[in-house]
Amino acid sequence: MTRFAVLFLWLPLVGFAQDHVLKTLRKAHPRLIALDADMDRVKSLIRQNAQARRVYESLRQEASKIDAEPPVVHRLIGPRLLDQSRRALGRVYTLALLYRLDGERRWLARAVKELQAAAEFPDWNPSHFLDTAEMTHAFAIGYDWLYPSLELSERAWMRKAIVEKGLRQGLKVYERPRGWHTVTHNWNQVCNGGMGLGALAIAEEEPELAETILKYALHSLPKAMGSYAPDGGWAEGPGYWNYATRYTVYFLAGLETALGTDFGLSKLPGFDRAGHFRIYFSGPAGQTFNYADAGSAVGSAPVMFWLARKFDQPVYAWQQQQILAGRERAEALDLIWYELKALSPKQAQWPLDAYFAGVQVAFLRSAWEDGEAIFVGVKGGDNKANHSHLDLGTFVLDAGGVRWAEDLGSDNYNLPGYFGDKRWTYYRLCTESHNTLWIDRENQDPKAAAPIVEHVFEPKRAWVRIDLRQAYPGKLSKWERTVTLEDRSRALIEDVFEASRPVEAVWGMVTRAEVTLEGRRARLTLRGRRLEAEIRSPEDAIFEVASTQPPQPQNQNQGTRKLVVRLPNKTASARILVALVPAR
Protein backbone atom coordinates (compact mmCIF):
# COMPACT_ATOMS: atom_id res chain seq x y z
CA MET A 1 0.00 0.00 0.00
CA THR A 2 1.39 3.39 -0.95
CA ARG A 3 1.89 6.20 1.53
CA PHE A 4 -0.83 8.18 -0.28
CA ALA A 5 -3.26 5.32 0.18
CA VAL A 6 -2.44 5.19 3.89
CA LEU A 7 -3.14 8.90 4.22
CA PHE A 8 -6.39 8.55 2.25
CA LEU A 9 -7.64 5.87 4.62
CA TRP A 10 -6.86 8.12 7.56
CA LEU A 11 -8.59 11.23 6.19
CA PRO A 12 -12.00 10.56 7.81
CA LEU A 13 -10.30 10.66 11.20
CA VAL A 14 -8.69 14.03 10.50
CA GLY A 15 -11.98 15.90 10.59
CA PHE A 16 -12.82 14.33 13.92
CA ALA A 17 -9.42 15.29 15.28
CA GLN A 18 -9.79 18.90 14.20
CA ASP A 19 -13.04 19.43 16.09
CA HIS A 20 -12.46 17.34 19.18
CA VAL A 21 -8.76 17.25 20.04
CA LEU A 22 -9.04 18.39 23.67
CA LYS A 23 -12.71 17.69 24.29
CA THR A 24 -11.94 14.51 26.24
CA LEU A 25 -8.85 15.81 28.05
CA ARG A 26 -8.29 14.20 31.44
CA LYS A 27 -8.08 17.23 33.72
CA ALA A 28 -6.07 15.67 36.52
CA HIS A 29 -2.36 14.91 36.55
CA PRO A 30 -0.64 12.51 35.99
CA ARG A 31 -2.24 11.80 32.62
CA LEU A 32 0.67 10.92 30.31
CA ILE A 33 1.52 7.28 29.55
CA ALA A 34 1.17 6.04 33.17
CA LEU A 35 -1.83 6.88 35.34
CA ASP A 36 -2.04 6.47 39.10
CA ALA A 37 -3.89 3.20 38.61
CA ASP A 38 -0.86 1.92 36.72
CA MET A 39 1.29 2.51 39.79
CA ASP A 40 -0.84 0.05 41.76
CA ARG A 41 -0.39 -2.50 38.99
CA VAL A 42 3.39 -1.93 38.89
CA LYS A 43 3.71 -2.27 42.68
CA SER A 44 1.87 -5.56 42.54
CA LEU A 45 4.05 -6.70 39.66
CA ILE A 46 7.22 -5.91 41.62
CA ARG A 47 5.99 -8.00 44.53
CA GLN A 48 4.97 -10.97 42.42
CA ASN A 49 7.42 -11.13 39.51
CA ALA A 50 11.15 -11.72 39.97
CA GLN A 51 12.21 -10.01 36.75
CA ALA A 52 10.11 -6.93 37.47
CA ARG A 53 11.66 -6.82 40.93
CA ARG A 54 15.15 -6.88 39.41
CA VAL A 55 14.18 -4.06 37.05
CA TYR A 56 12.92 -2.04 40.00
CA GLU A 57 16.14 -2.61 41.97
CA SER A 58 18.26 -1.64 38.97
CA LEU A 59 16.26 1.59 38.66
CA ARG A 60 16.90 2.38 42.33
CA GLN A 61 20.61 1.79 41.84
CA GLU A 62 20.58 4.03 38.78
CA ALA A 63 18.71 6.74 40.67
CA SER A 64 21.29 6.68 43.46
CA LYS A 65 24.03 7.23 40.87
CA ILE A 66 22.07 10.08 39.32
CA ASP A 67 21.62 11.66 42.75
CA ALA A 68 25.41 11.86 43.12
CA GLU A 69 26.01 13.36 39.66
CA PRO A 70 25.65 16.96 38.45
CA PRO A 71 22.63 17.81 36.30
CA VAL A 72 22.76 18.31 32.54
CA VAL A 73 24.67 21.21 31.01
CA HIS A 74 24.22 23.20 27.80
CA ARG A 75 27.06 21.58 25.84
CA LEU A 76 26.91 20.82 22.14
CA ILE A 77 28.74 17.97 20.44
CA GLY A 78 29.07 19.06 16.86
CA PRO A 79 25.69 20.62 16.07
CA ARG A 80 23.85 18.56 18.71
CA LEU A 81 22.65 18.96 22.28
CA LEU A 82 21.10 15.53 21.94
CA ASP A 83 23.18 13.65 24.49
CA GLN A 84 22.12 16.13 27.17
CA SER A 85 18.46 15.99 26.15
CA ARG A 86 18.51 12.20 26.31
CA ARG A 87 20.33 12.23 29.62
CA ALA A 88 17.69 14.53 31.08
CA LEU A 89 14.90 12.36 29.64
CA GLY A 90 16.25 9.11 31.07
CA ARG A 91 16.89 10.66 34.46
CA VAL A 92 13.45 12.24 34.70
CA TYR A 93 11.70 9.00 33.80
CA THR A 94 13.70 7.05 36.40
CA LEU A 95 13.44 9.58 39.22
CA ALA A 96 9.80 10.46 38.63
CA LEU A 97 8.70 6.83 38.42
CA LEU A 98 10.50 5.93 41.63
CA TYR A 99 8.95 8.90 43.40
CA ARG A 100 5.51 7.80 42.26
CA LEU A 101 6.19 4.26 43.45
CA ASP A 102 8.03 4.95 46.70
CA GLY A 103 7.18 8.50 47.69
CA GLU A 104 10.82 9.23 48.58
CA ARG A 105 11.32 12.99 48.51
CA ARG A 106 14.95 12.72 47.38
CA TRP A 107 13.80 11.41 44.00
CA LEU A 108 11.41 14.33 43.64
CA ALA A 109 14.10 16.85 44.62
CA ARG A 110 16.67 15.41 42.24
CA ALA A 111 14.20 15.37 39.34
CA VAL A 112 13.33 19.01 39.96
CA LYS A 113 17.02 19.87 40.11
CA GLU A 114 17.56 18.21 36.73
CA LEU A 115 14.66 20.04 35.15
CA GLN A 116 15.66 23.38 36.64
CA ALA A 117 19.13 23.10 35.15
CA ALA A 118 17.67 22.46 31.69
CA ALA A 119 15.06 25.20 32.11
CA GLU A 120 17.90 27.69 32.57
CA PHE A 121 19.53 26.74 29.26
CA PRO A 122 19.46 29.63 26.77
CA ASP A 123 17.59 27.27 24.42
CA TRP A 124 17.13 23.58 23.65
CA ASN A 125 18.99 23.87 20.36
CA PRO A 126 16.06 24.13 17.94
CA SER A 127 18.46 24.22 14.98
CA HIS A 128 18.77 20.44 15.56
CA PHE A 129 15.17 19.89 16.51
CA LEU A 130 15.54 16.36 17.84
CA ASP A 131 17.28 17.97 20.83
CA THR A 132 14.32 20.25 21.47
CA ALA A 133 11.80 17.45 21.02
CA GLU A 134 13.49 15.11 23.46
CA MET A 135 13.95 17.84 26.08
CA THR A 136 10.29 18.83 25.71
CA HIS A 137 9.42 15.17 26.26
CA ALA A 138 11.52 15.16 29.46
CA PHE A 139 9.73 18.25 30.75
CA ALA A 140 6.31 16.89 29.80
CA ILE A 141 6.92 13.76 31.89
CA GLY A 142 8.47 15.67 34.79
CA TYR A 143 5.69 18.27 34.85
CA ASP A 144 2.88 15.75 34.51
CA TRP A 145 4.12 12.93 36.74
CA LEU A 146 5.34 15.19 39.54
CA TYR A 147 2.58 17.78 39.24
CA PRO A 148 0.69 16.92 42.47
CA SER A 149 3.88 17.39 44.53
CA LEU A 150 5.30 20.47 42.81
CA GLU A 151 5.21 23.96 44.28
CA LEU A 152 3.20 26.47 42.27
CA SER A 153 6.41 28.28 41.34
CA GLU A 154 7.95 25.03 40.09
CA ARG A 155 4.94 24.30 37.92
CA ALA A 156 5.18 27.81 36.51
CA TRP A 157 8.81 27.68 35.36
CA MET A 158 8.44 24.14 34.02
CA ARG A 159 5.37 25.16 32.06
CA LYS A 160 7.13 28.28 30.76
CA ALA A 161 10.07 26.18 29.57
CA ILE A 162 7.78 23.73 27.77
CA VAL A 163 5.97 26.59 26.04
CA GLU A 164 8.84 28.93 25.18
CA LYS A 165 11.75 26.54 24.60
CA GLY A 166 9.64 23.70 23.24
CA LEU A 167 6.21 24.27 21.76
CA ARG A 168 6.67 27.75 20.31
CA GLN A 169 9.86 26.54 18.62
CA GLY A 170 7.89 23.65 17.16
CA LEU A 171 5.13 25.97 16.01
CA LYS A 172 7.66 27.91 13.93
CA VAL A 173 8.47 24.70 12.05
CA TYR A 174 4.86 23.58 11.67
CA GLU A 175 4.00 26.91 10.07
CA ARG A 176 6.61 26.42 7.34
CA PRO A 177 5.86 24.44 4.18
CA ARG A 178 8.94 22.25 4.70
CA GLY A 179 10.56 20.68 7.72
CA TRP A 180 10.48 17.57 9.89
CA HIS A 181 6.67 17.64 9.89
CA THR A 182 6.70 16.85 6.15
CA VAL A 183 9.19 13.93 6.12
CA THR A 184 8.52 10.20 6.33
CA HIS A 185 11.43 9.13 8.55
CA ASN A 186 12.32 9.15 12.26
CA TRP A 187 12.52 12.95 12.61
CA ASN A 188 8.78 13.10 12.03
CA GLN A 189 7.93 10.72 14.88
CA VAL A 190 10.48 12.06 17.35
CA CYS A 191 9.62 15.72 16.82
CA ASN A 192 5.86 15.22 16.65
CA GLY A 193 6.04 12.93 19.67
CA GLY A 194 7.97 15.42 21.77
CA MET A 195 5.74 18.31 20.75
CA GLY A 196 2.56 16.28 21.24
CA LEU A 197 3.48 15.18 24.75
CA GLY A 198 4.48 18.71 25.67
CA ALA A 199 1.11 19.99 24.44
CA LEU A 200 -0.82 17.34 26.36
CA ALA A 201 1.10 18.14 29.55
CA ILE A 202 0.10 21.83 29.66
CA ALA A 203 -3.19 21.67 27.75
CA GLU A 204 -5.49 23.11 30.41
CA GLU A 205 -3.27 26.17 31.01
CA GLU A 206 -2.46 26.76 27.31
CA PRO A 207 -5.45 25.26 25.47
CA GLU A 208 -5.14 27.28 22.26
CA LEU A 209 -1.45 26.53 21.80
CA ALA A 210 -1.89 22.88 22.80
CA GLU A 211 -4.80 22.43 20.40
CA THR A 212 -2.80 23.94 17.54
CA ILE A 213 0.25 21.78 18.21
CA LEU A 214 -1.81 18.62 18.49
CA LYS A 215 -3.67 19.28 15.24
CA TYR A 216 -0.39 19.76 13.42
CA ALA A 217 1.08 16.59 14.97
CA LEU A 218 -1.99 14.49 14.21
CA HIS A 219 -1.88 15.58 10.56
CA SER A 220 1.86 15.05 10.27
CA LEU A 221 2.45 11.72 12.00
CA PRO A 222 0.62 9.51 9.46
CA LYS A 223 3.16 10.56 6.83
CA ALA A 224 5.87 8.73 8.74
CA MET A 225 3.67 5.93 10.03
CA GLY A 226 2.86 5.17 6.41
CA SER A 227 6.45 3.95 6.16
CA TYR A 228 5.51 0.86 8.21
CA ALA A 229 3.12 -0.29 5.48
CA PRO A 230 2.41 -2.95 4.47
CA ASP A 231 4.26 -5.29 6.84
CA GLY A 232 6.08 -3.35 9.59
CA GLY A 233 9.54 -2.94 8.05
CA TRP A 234 11.64 0.17 8.49
CA ALA A 235 13.91 1.49 5.73
CA GLU A 236 16.28 3.34 8.09
CA GLY A 237 17.47 0.09 9.65
CA PRO A 238 17.20 -1.49 13.12
CA GLY A 239 18.65 1.41 15.10
CA TYR A 240 16.22 3.93 13.73
CA TRP A 241 13.38 1.41 13.89
CA ASN A 242 13.82 1.64 17.65
CA TYR A 243 14.04 5.43 17.73
CA ALA A 244 11.09 6.01 15.41
CA THR A 245 8.88 3.33 16.93
CA ARG A 246 9.44 4.29 20.54
CA TYR A 247 8.52 7.91 19.82
CA THR A 248 5.46 6.83 17.88
CA VAL A 249 4.40 4.82 20.91
CA TYR A 250 5.25 7.57 23.40
CA PHE A 251 2.81 9.81 21.57
CA LEU A 252 0.10 7.20 21.02
CA ALA A 253 0.30 6.09 24.64
CA GLY A 254 0.10 9.72 25.79
CA LEU A 255 -2.93 10.36 23.59
CA GLU A 256 -4.70 7.30 24.95
CA THR A 257 -4.12 8.15 28.62
CA ALA A 258 -4.72 11.90 28.27
CA LEU A 259 -7.59 11.89 25.74
CA GLY A 260 -8.87 8.33 25.71
CA THR A 261 -8.10 7.89 21.99
CA ASP A 262 -5.19 7.77 19.57
CA PHE A 263 -7.50 8.91 16.73
CA GLY A 264 -7.01 5.62 14.89
CA LEU A 265 -3.26 6.08 14.40
CA SER A 266 -2.39 2.64 15.80
CA LYS A 267 -4.64 1.11 13.12
CA LEU A 268 -2.59 2.47 10.23
CA PRO A 269 -1.45 -0.37 7.93
CA GLY A 270 1.72 -2.18 8.97
CA PHE A 271 2.12 -0.66 12.42
CA ASP A 272 0.69 -3.74 14.11
CA ARG A 273 3.53 -5.71 12.46
CA ALA A 274 6.38 -3.41 13.49
CA GLY A 275 7.41 -5.76 16.28
CA HIS A 276 7.68 -8.62 13.80
CA PHE A 277 10.38 -6.71 11.99
CA ARG A 278 12.42 -6.36 15.18
CA ILE A 279 12.10 -10.06 16.02
CA TYR A 280 13.26 -11.07 12.55
CA PHE A 281 16.15 -8.60 12.24
CA SER A 282 17.61 -9.90 15.53
CA GLY A 283 20.06 -12.74 14.91
CA PRO A 284 20.96 -15.70 17.17
CA ALA A 285 24.43 -14.25 17.88
CA GLY A 286 22.83 -11.27 19.64
CA GLN A 287 23.29 -8.87 16.75
CA THR A 288 20.95 -7.26 14.27
CA PHE A 289 21.12 -7.03 10.52
CA ASN A 290 22.40 -3.50 11.03
CA TYR A 291 22.06 -1.97 7.61
CA ALA A 292 22.04 1.83 7.25
CA ASP A 293 23.39 3.98 10.09
CA ALA A 294 22.98 1.35 12.79
CA GLY A 295 25.03 -0.45 15.40
CA SER A 296 24.84 -4.22 15.54
CA ALA A 297 23.73 -4.74 19.17
CA VAL A 298 20.10 -5.79 19.50
CA GLY A 299 19.69 -3.51 22.51
CA SER A 300 16.66 -2.99 24.70
CA ALA A 301 13.24 -1.85 23.48
CA PRO A 302 10.60 -1.44 26.21
CA VAL A 303 8.24 -0.44 23.41
CA MET A 304 7.97 -4.15 22.59
CA PHE A 305 5.98 -4.64 25.80
CA TRP A 306 3.53 -1.91 24.75
CA LEU A 307 3.21 -3.36 21.25
CA ALA A 308 2.74 -6.85 22.71
CA ARG A 309 -0.22 -5.74 24.79
CA LYS A 310 -1.70 -3.47 22.14
CA PHE A 311 -1.68 -6.06 19.37
CA ASP A 312 -1.81 -9.26 21.44
CA GLN A 313 1.63 -10.40 20.31
CA PRO A 314 3.22 -12.36 23.16
CA VAL A 315 6.38 -13.00 21.10
CA TYR A 316 7.19 -9.30 21.35
CA ALA A 317 7.06 -9.50 25.14
CA TRP A 318 9.15 -12.68 25.09
CA GLN A 319 11.98 -10.94 23.29
CA GLN A 320 12.09 -7.99 25.68
CA GLN A 321 11.98 -10.34 28.66
CA GLN A 322 14.95 -12.22 27.21
CA ILE A 323 16.87 -8.99 26.73
CA LEU A 324 16.15 -7.82 30.27
CA ALA A 325 17.41 -11.14 31.63
CA GLY A 326 20.86 -10.34 30.25
CA ARG A 327 21.03 -6.66 31.20
CA GLU A 328 22.10 -4.96 34.41
CA ARG A 329 20.28 -1.73 33.58
CA ALA A 330 16.69 -1.26 32.56
CA GLU A 331 14.39 1.65 31.78
CA ALA A 332 11.43 3.04 33.68
CA LEU A 333 9.14 2.03 30.83
CA ASP A 334 10.23 -1.60 31.22
CA LEU A 335 8.24 -1.55 34.46
CA ILE A 336 5.37 0.60 33.26
CA TRP A 337 4.79 -1.44 30.11
CA TYR A 338 5.96 -4.83 31.40
CA GLU A 339 3.88 -7.62 29.88
CA LEU A 340 3.67 -11.02 31.56
CA LYS A 341 2.05 -12.90 28.68
CA ALA A 342 4.96 -14.18 26.57
CA LEU A 343 5.63 -16.90 24.00
CA SER A 344 8.82 -17.66 22.11
CA PRO A 345 8.68 -17.62 18.29
CA LYS A 346 9.07 -21.40 18.38
CA GLN A 347 6.15 -21.79 20.78
CA ALA A 348 4.08 -19.44 18.65
CA GLN A 349 5.08 -21.45 15.55
CA TRP A 350 6.41 -18.46 13.68
CA PRO A 351 7.96 -19.20 10.27
CA LEU A 352 11.75 -19.35 10.21
CA ASP A 353 11.95 -16.97 7.26
CA ALA A 354 10.41 -13.61 6.49
CA TYR A 355 10.30 -11.13 3.63
CA PHE A 356 9.38 -7.51 4.31
CA ALA A 357 8.10 -6.07 1.06
CA GLY A 358 7.93 -2.48 2.26
CA VAL A 359 11.70 -2.28 2.67
CA GLN A 360 12.82 -5.19 0.43
CA VAL A 361 14.67 -7.03 3.19
CA ALA A 362 14.57 -10.76 4.00
CA PHE A 363 15.71 -12.96 6.87
CA LEU A 364 16.47 -16.69 6.72
CA ARG A 365 17.40 -18.92 9.67
CA SER A 366 17.78 -22.55 10.62
CA ALA A 367 16.04 -22.42 14.00
CA TRP A 368 14.52 -20.27 16.71
CA GLU A 369 15.89 -20.20 20.27
CA ASP A 370 19.23 -21.68 19.23
CA GLY A 371 22.32 -19.55 19.71
CA GLU A 372 24.17 -21.82 17.27
CA ALA A 373 21.62 -21.36 14.47
CA ILE A 374 22.45 -20.06 11.01
CA PHE A 375 21.01 -16.65 10.25
CA VAL A 376 21.17 -14.65 7.03
CA GLY A 377 19.88 -11.11 6.62
CA VAL A 378 19.87 -9.76 3.07
CA LYS A 379 18.55 -6.61 1.49
CA GLY A 380 17.66 -5.08 -1.79
CA GLY A 381 16.27 -1.79 -0.59
CA ASP A 382 16.55 1.81 -1.71
CA ASN A 383 19.71 3.90 -1.61
CA LYS A 384 17.54 7.02 -1.30
CA ALA A 385 16.19 5.98 2.10
CA ASN A 386 17.12 8.24 5.01
CA HIS A 387 20.34 7.08 6.73
CA SER A 388 20.97 4.56 3.95
CA HIS A 389 24.37 3.39 2.79
CA LEU A 390 25.21 2.42 -0.79
CA ASP A 391 24.70 -1.23 0.06
CA LEU A 392 22.12 -2.79 -2.27
CA GLY A 393 22.51 -6.56 -2.16
CA THR A 394 24.43 -6.69 1.11
CA PHE A 395 24.05 -9.49 3.65
CA VAL A 396 25.12 -10.61 7.12
CA LEU A 397 25.71 -14.18 8.31
CA ASP A 398 25.66 -15.76 11.78
CA ALA A 399 26.46 -19.39 12.61
CA GLY A 400 27.69 -21.17 15.72
CA GLY A 401 27.14 -18.08 17.85
CA VAL A 402 29.52 -16.06 15.64
CA ARG A 403 28.89 -13.26 13.18
CA TRP A 404 30.94 -14.18 10.11
CA ALA A 405 29.79 -11.59 7.57
CA GLU A 406 29.17 -8.22 9.15
CA ASP A 407 28.07 -4.70 8.40
CA LEU A 408 30.42 -2.13 9.90
CA GLY A 409 27.57 0.26 10.65
CA SER A 410 27.72 4.03 10.87
CA ASP A 411 30.76 6.25 11.34
CA ASN A 412 31.04 9.45 13.41
CA TYR A 413 28.14 11.76 12.57
CA ASN A 414 30.42 14.74 13.18
CA LEU A 415 32.74 13.88 10.27
CA PRO A 416 32.68 16.80 7.80
CA GLY A 417 29.77 16.48 5.40
CA TYR A 418 28.60 13.16 6.87
CA PHE A 419 25.03 14.03 5.97
CA GLY A 420 26.08 16.23 3.09
CA ASP A 421 28.35 16.34 0.08
CA LYS A 422 31.04 14.06 1.54
CA ARG A 423 28.73 11.26 2.64
CA TRP A 424 29.61 8.84 -0.15
CA THR A 425 33.35 9.38 0.29
CA TYR A 426 33.39 7.67 3.69
CA TYR A 427 34.37 4.02 3.74
CA ARG A 428 31.64 2.73 6.02
CA LEU A 429 28.94 4.33 3.89
CA CYS A 430 30.22 3.57 0.41
CA THR A 431 29.80 0.37 -1.59
CA GLU A 432 33.36 -0.86 -1.05
CA SER A 433 32.75 -1.67 2.62
CA HIS A 434 29.59 -3.72 2.12
CA ASN A 435 29.01 -7.39 1.41
CA THR A 436 27.99 -7.01 -2.19
CA LEU A 437 29.57 -6.68 -5.64
CA TRP A 438 31.85 -3.69 -6.21
CA ILE A 439 31.95 -2.76 -9.89
CA ASP A 440 34.93 -0.86 -11.36
CA ARG A 441 35.78 0.37 -7.85
CA GLU A 442 32.83 2.76 -8.03
CA ASN A 443 29.91 3.43 -5.72
CA GLN A 444 26.41 2.27 -6.51
CA ASP A 445 24.05 4.92 -7.82
CA PRO A 446 22.73 6.86 -4.76
CA LYS A 447 19.30 6.96 -6.46
CA ALA A 448 19.10 3.24 -7.16
CA ALA A 449 16.64 0.76 -5.70
CA ALA A 450 16.72 -3.03 -5.77
CA PRO A 451 13.54 -5.08 -5.34
CA ILE A 452 13.42 -8.65 -4.12
CA VAL A 453 11.71 -10.18 -7.13
CA GLU A 454 11.29 -13.75 -5.98
CA HIS A 455 11.48 -15.74 -2.77
CA VAL A 456 10.81 -19.33 -1.76
CA PHE A 457 10.61 -20.46 1.86
CA GLU A 458 10.52 -24.25 2.24
CA PRO A 459 11.31 -26.51 5.21
CA LYS A 460 14.73 -27.54 3.92
CA ARG A 461 15.61 -24.62 1.70
CA ALA A 462 14.93 -20.89 1.59
CA TRP A 463 16.08 -18.36 -0.95
CA VAL A 464 15.52 -14.82 -2.21
CA ARG A 465 16.44 -13.21 -5.53
CA ILE A 466 17.19 -9.49 -5.89
CA ASP A 467 17.14 -7.45 -9.10
CA LEU A 468 20.12 -5.11 -8.79
CA ARG A 469 20.34 -3.78 -12.33
CA GLN A 470 19.73 -0.16 -11.17
CA ALA A 471 22.81 -0.18 -8.94
CA TYR A 472 25.18 0.53 -11.84
CA PRO A 473 23.21 2.22 -14.64
CA GLY A 474 25.13 2.46 -17.87
CA LYS A 475 27.41 -0.39 -16.77
CA LEU A 476 25.25 -3.39 -15.91
CA SER A 477 22.25 -4.39 -18.00
CA LYS A 478 21.56 -7.31 -15.66
CA TRP A 479 22.55 -8.17 -12.12
CA GLU A 480 20.68 -10.67 -9.99
CA ARG A 481 21.81 -11.82 -6.57
CA THR A 482 20.31 -15.01 -5.15
CA VAL A 483 20.92 -15.79 -1.48
CA THR A 484 20.07 -19.33 -0.41
CA LEU A 485 20.01 -21.12 2.92
CA GLU A 486 20.60 -24.64 1.60
CA ASP A 487 19.44 -27.56 3.74
CA ARG A 488 19.28 -25.05 6.64
CA SER A 489 23.02 -25.67 7.07
CA ARG A 490 24.95 -23.48 4.59
CA ALA A 491 24.61 -20.21 2.73
CA LEU A 492 25.03 -19.79 -1.02
CA ILE A 493 25.59 -16.34 -2.53
CA GLU A 494 25.14 -16.26 -6.30
CA ASP A 495 25.61 -13.22 -8.54
CA VAL A 496 24.83 -13.24 -12.25
CA PHE A 497 25.55 -10.07 -14.19
CA GLU A 498 25.86 -8.79 -17.75
CA ALA A 499 27.58 -5.56 -18.72
CA SER A 500 27.63 -3.34 -21.78
CA ARG A 501 31.44 -3.60 -21.77
CA PRO A 502 33.98 -5.52 -19.65
CA VAL A 503 34.01 -4.42 -16.00
CA GLU A 504 36.03 -5.27 -12.92
CA ALA A 505 33.75 -7.12 -10.50
CA VAL A 506 34.86 -7.79 -6.93
CA TRP A 507 32.78 -9.92 -4.56
CA GLY A 508 33.34 -8.99 -0.92
CA MET A 509 32.49 -9.92 2.67
CA VAL A 510 33.69 -8.04 5.76
CA THR A 511 34.61 -10.28 8.67
CA ARG A 512 36.34 -10.31 12.04
CA ALA A 513 37.57 -13.85 11.48
CA GLU A 514 41.15 -14.81 10.81
CA VAL A 515 41.38 -15.95 7.20
CA THR A 516 43.57 -18.68 5.72
CA LEU A 517 43.59 -18.71 1.91
CA GLU A 518 43.84 -21.80 -0.27
CA GLY A 519 43.10 -20.49 -3.76
CA ARG A 520 39.42 -21.16 -4.37
CA ARG A 521 38.91 -21.99 -0.71
CA ALA A 522 39.26 -19.97 2.45
CA ARG A 523 39.11 -21.02 6.08
CA LEU A 524 37.75 -18.50 8.58
CA THR A 525 38.27 -18.96 12.32
CA LEU A 526 36.81 -16.87 15.12
CA ARG A 527 36.27 -17.59 18.82
CA GLY A 528 37.12 -21.27 18.37
CA ARG A 529 34.67 -21.69 15.47
CA ARG A 530 35.32 -22.29 11.78
CA LEU A 531 33.63 -21.37 8.52
CA GLU A 532 34.64 -22.79 5.15
CA ALA A 533 34.24 -20.55 2.12
CA GLU A 534 34.40 -22.00 -1.39
CA ILE A 535 34.23 -20.37 -4.84
CA ARG A 536 32.08 -22.68 -6.93
CA SER A 537 32.02 -20.39 -9.95
CA PRO A 538 33.87 -19.19 -11.96
CA GLU A 539 36.71 -21.68 -12.04
CA ASP A 540 39.46 -19.10 -12.53
CA ALA A 541 38.51 -16.87 -9.58
CA ILE A 542 40.47 -16.86 -6.32
CA PHE A 543 40.06 -15.53 -2.81
CA GLU A 544 42.11 -12.62 -1.49
CA VAL A 545 42.05 -10.56 1.70
CA ALA A 546 41.69 -6.77 1.47
CA SER A 547 42.16 -4.09 4.08
CA THR A 548 39.20 -2.35 5.70
CA GLN A 549 41.27 0.53 7.04
CA PRO A 550 40.30 3.92 5.55
CA PRO A 551 42.13 7.25 5.93
CA GLN A 552 41.92 9.08 9.26
CA PRO A 553 39.84 10.47 10.91
CA GLN A 554 37.39 7.77 9.85
CA ASN A 555 36.82 4.74 12.07
CA GLN A 556 39.77 2.41 11.50
CA ASN A 557 37.66 -0.75 11.75
CA GLN A 558 40.16 -2.51 13.99
CA GLY A 559 39.99 -6.28 13.94
CA THR A 560 38.22 -6.53 10.59
CA ARG A 561 39.27 -7.48 7.08
CA LYS A 562 37.50 -8.18 3.81
CA LEU A 563 37.39 -11.55 2.13
CA VAL A 564 37.13 -10.87 -1.61
CA VAL A 565 36.66 -12.92 -4.74
CA ARG A 566 38.94 -11.67 -7.48
CA LEU A 567 38.37 -12.52 -11.15
CA PRO A 568 41.52 -12.67 -13.33
CA ASN A 569 40.25 -10.15 -15.87
CA LYS A 570 37.52 -7.68 -16.57
CA THR A 571 34.48 -9.35 -18.03
CA ALA A 572 31.18 -8.47 -19.68
CA SER A 573 29.34 -11.33 -17.97
CA ALA A 574 29.90 -13.69 -15.09
CA ARG A 575 28.31 -16.03 -12.59
CA ILE A 576 29.94 -15.82 -9.18
CA LEU A 577 28.82 -18.46 -6.68
CA VAL A 578 30.27 -18.61 -3.17
CA ALA A 579 29.35 -21.26 -0.59
CA LEU A 580 29.71 -20.42 3.11
CA VAL A 581 29.63 -23.58 5.22
CA PRO A 582 29.93 -23.55 9.03
CA ALA A 583 32.09 -26.40 10.28
CA ARG A 584 30.25 -28.79 12.54
Foldseek 3Di string as FASTA:
>chain_A
DFLVVLLVVLVVLLVVCLVCVCVQFDPAFPQALFDLVLLVVLVVCLVPPVLSVLQLVLLVVVLVVLLPDAAAAQDADQLAPQVNLVVLQQLLLSLLSCCSNPVDVSSLVSNLNNLVNVLPPPAQRCVVPLSLLSNLQSLLSNCRSCVVPDDPVSNVSSLVSNVPRHLVSVVVVLPDPDDLLADQFQSLLSNLLSNLSSLSSCCVVPVVSSSVSPSSSLSRVSSNVSLLPAAQDHQQFQVRLLRRLVSNVSNQSRCCRGRVGSSCSCVRHRNLRNLVNLVQQQDLLQFGQGFFQGDTHSDAHLVLLVSCVVNVPQQSLVVNSVVSVPDSHDGSSCSSSRDDRHDHCVRVVPAQKDADQSFAKIKHWLDGPDSQIKIKIFGFGFLQDPRGALAGGFMWIGGHSFTFFGQPHRWDPSDPQCVHDCVCVALSRFHVRTQAKQKQVDGFDSGDTKHFPDWDRDNQKTKIKIWRQNRDPQFWPGWIWMWMCGRSFKIKIKIKTFTPDFIWIKGKGKGLFDWDFDFQWIWTDDPRWIKIKGWPPDPQKGKDKAASADDPPIPRPPSMIMIMIGHPTTDRITMTMMMIGTDD
